[in-house]
Amino acid sequence: MSKKILANDGISNSGIMALESAGYEVLTTNVAQEQLANFINEEQITGLLVRSATQVRKELIDACPGLKLIGR
């Protein structure tokens, strides 16, 4: 199983380095809200990190069964 994290609203370089040293692949692609579920499923994202710009609602969670972690 891949260990991919999408930091959709950005992340500091130190955050990327910490996650990569723990074995995660970090993607910093900014994906539009309406395309987020498809991107997460197609890229087999297991973790999603967001800030205020990205809304994580029940519909997104239900549409992405591979997500194991959501952080803000």
Protein backbone atom coordinates (compact mmCIF):
# COMPACT_ATOMS: atom_id res chain seq x y z
CA MET A 1 0.00 0.00 0.00
CA SER A 2 1.32 3.43 -0.91
CA LYS A 3 1.71 6.06 1.75
CA LYS A 4 0.77 9.25 -0.07
CA ILE A 5 -0.28 12.47 1.60
CA LEU A 6 -1.88 15.35 -0.26
CA ALA A 7 -1.16 18.73 1.31
CA ASN A 8 -3.80 20.51 -0.73
CA ASP A 9 -3.38 23.97 0.79
CA GLY A 10 0.40 23.90 1.08
CA ILE A 11 2.85 22.75 3.74
CA SER A 12 6.19 24.02 5.01
CA ASN A 13 9.43 22.49 3.78
CA SER A 14 10.14 21.21 7.29
CA GLY A 15 6.74 19.50 7.29
CA ILE A 16 7.47 17.85 3.97
CA MET A 17 10.87 16.68 5.18
CA ALA A 18 9.41 15.24 8.39
CA LEU A 19 6.74 13.31 6.51
CA GLU A 20 9.18 12.06 3.88
CA SER A 21 11.61 10.89 6.56
CA ALA A 22 8.72 8.90 8.03
CA GLY A 23 8.23 7.15 4.69
CA TYR A 24 5.43 9.23 3.14
CA GLU A 25 5.29 10.64 -0.35
CA VAL A 26 4.00 14.21 -0.09
CA LEU A 27 2.10 15.82 -2.94
CA THR A 28 1.62 19.58 -2.83
CA THR A 29 -0.62 19.81 -5.87
CA ASN A 30 -3.49 22.24 -5.32
CA VAL A 31 -6.60 20.37 -6.45
CA ALA A 32 -9.89 22.19 -6.99
CA GLN A 33 -12.63 21.27 -4.52
CA GLU A 34 -14.87 19.71 -7.18
CA GLN A 35 -12.02 17.48 -8.45
CA LEU A 36 -10.68 16.46 -5.04
CA ALA A 37 -12.47 13.11 -4.62
CA ASN A 38 -11.42 11.90 -8.08
CA PHE A 39 -7.81 12.98 -7.53
CA ILE A 40 -7.62 11.31 -4.11
CA ASN A 41 -8.98 8.04 -5.47
CA GLU A 42 -6.96 8.03 -8.70
CA GLU A 43 -3.68 8.85 -6.93
CA GLN A 44 -4.43 6.45 -4.05
CA ILE A 45 -3.98 9.20 -1.45
CA THR A 46 -4.11 7.87 2.12
CA GLY A 47 -3.74 11.18 3.97
CA LEU A 48 -5.19 14.64 3.35
CA LEU A 49 -3.82 17.79 4.97
CA VAL A 50 -5.83 21.00 4.55
CA ARG A 51 -6.09 24.54 5.80
CA SER A 52 -9.02 26.90 5.48
CA ALA A 53 -9.23 26.86 1.68
CA THR A 54 -10.27 23.20 1.36
CA GLN A 55 -13.59 22.01 2.76
CA VAL A 56 -13.71 18.40 3.97
CA ARG A 57 -17.32 17.34 4.24
CA LYS A 58 -19.09 14.03 4.70
CA GLU A 59 -19.54 13.63 0.95
CA LEU A 60 -15.79 13.81 0.35
CA ILE A 61 -15.03 11.36 3.15
CA ASP A 62 -17.68 8.92 1.90
CA ALA A 63 -16.36 9.17 -1.67
CA CYS A 64 -12.77 8.39 -0.63
CA PRO A 65 -12.66 5.06 1.23
CA GLY A 66 -8.85 4.89 0.95
CA LEU A 67 -8.34 7.96 3.16
CA LYS A 68 -6.91 6.95 6.52
CA LEU A 69 -6.02 10.41 7.86
CA ILE A 70 -7.42 13.91 7.54
CA GLY A 71 -5.55 16.72 9.26
CA ARG A 72 -5.89 20.43 9.52
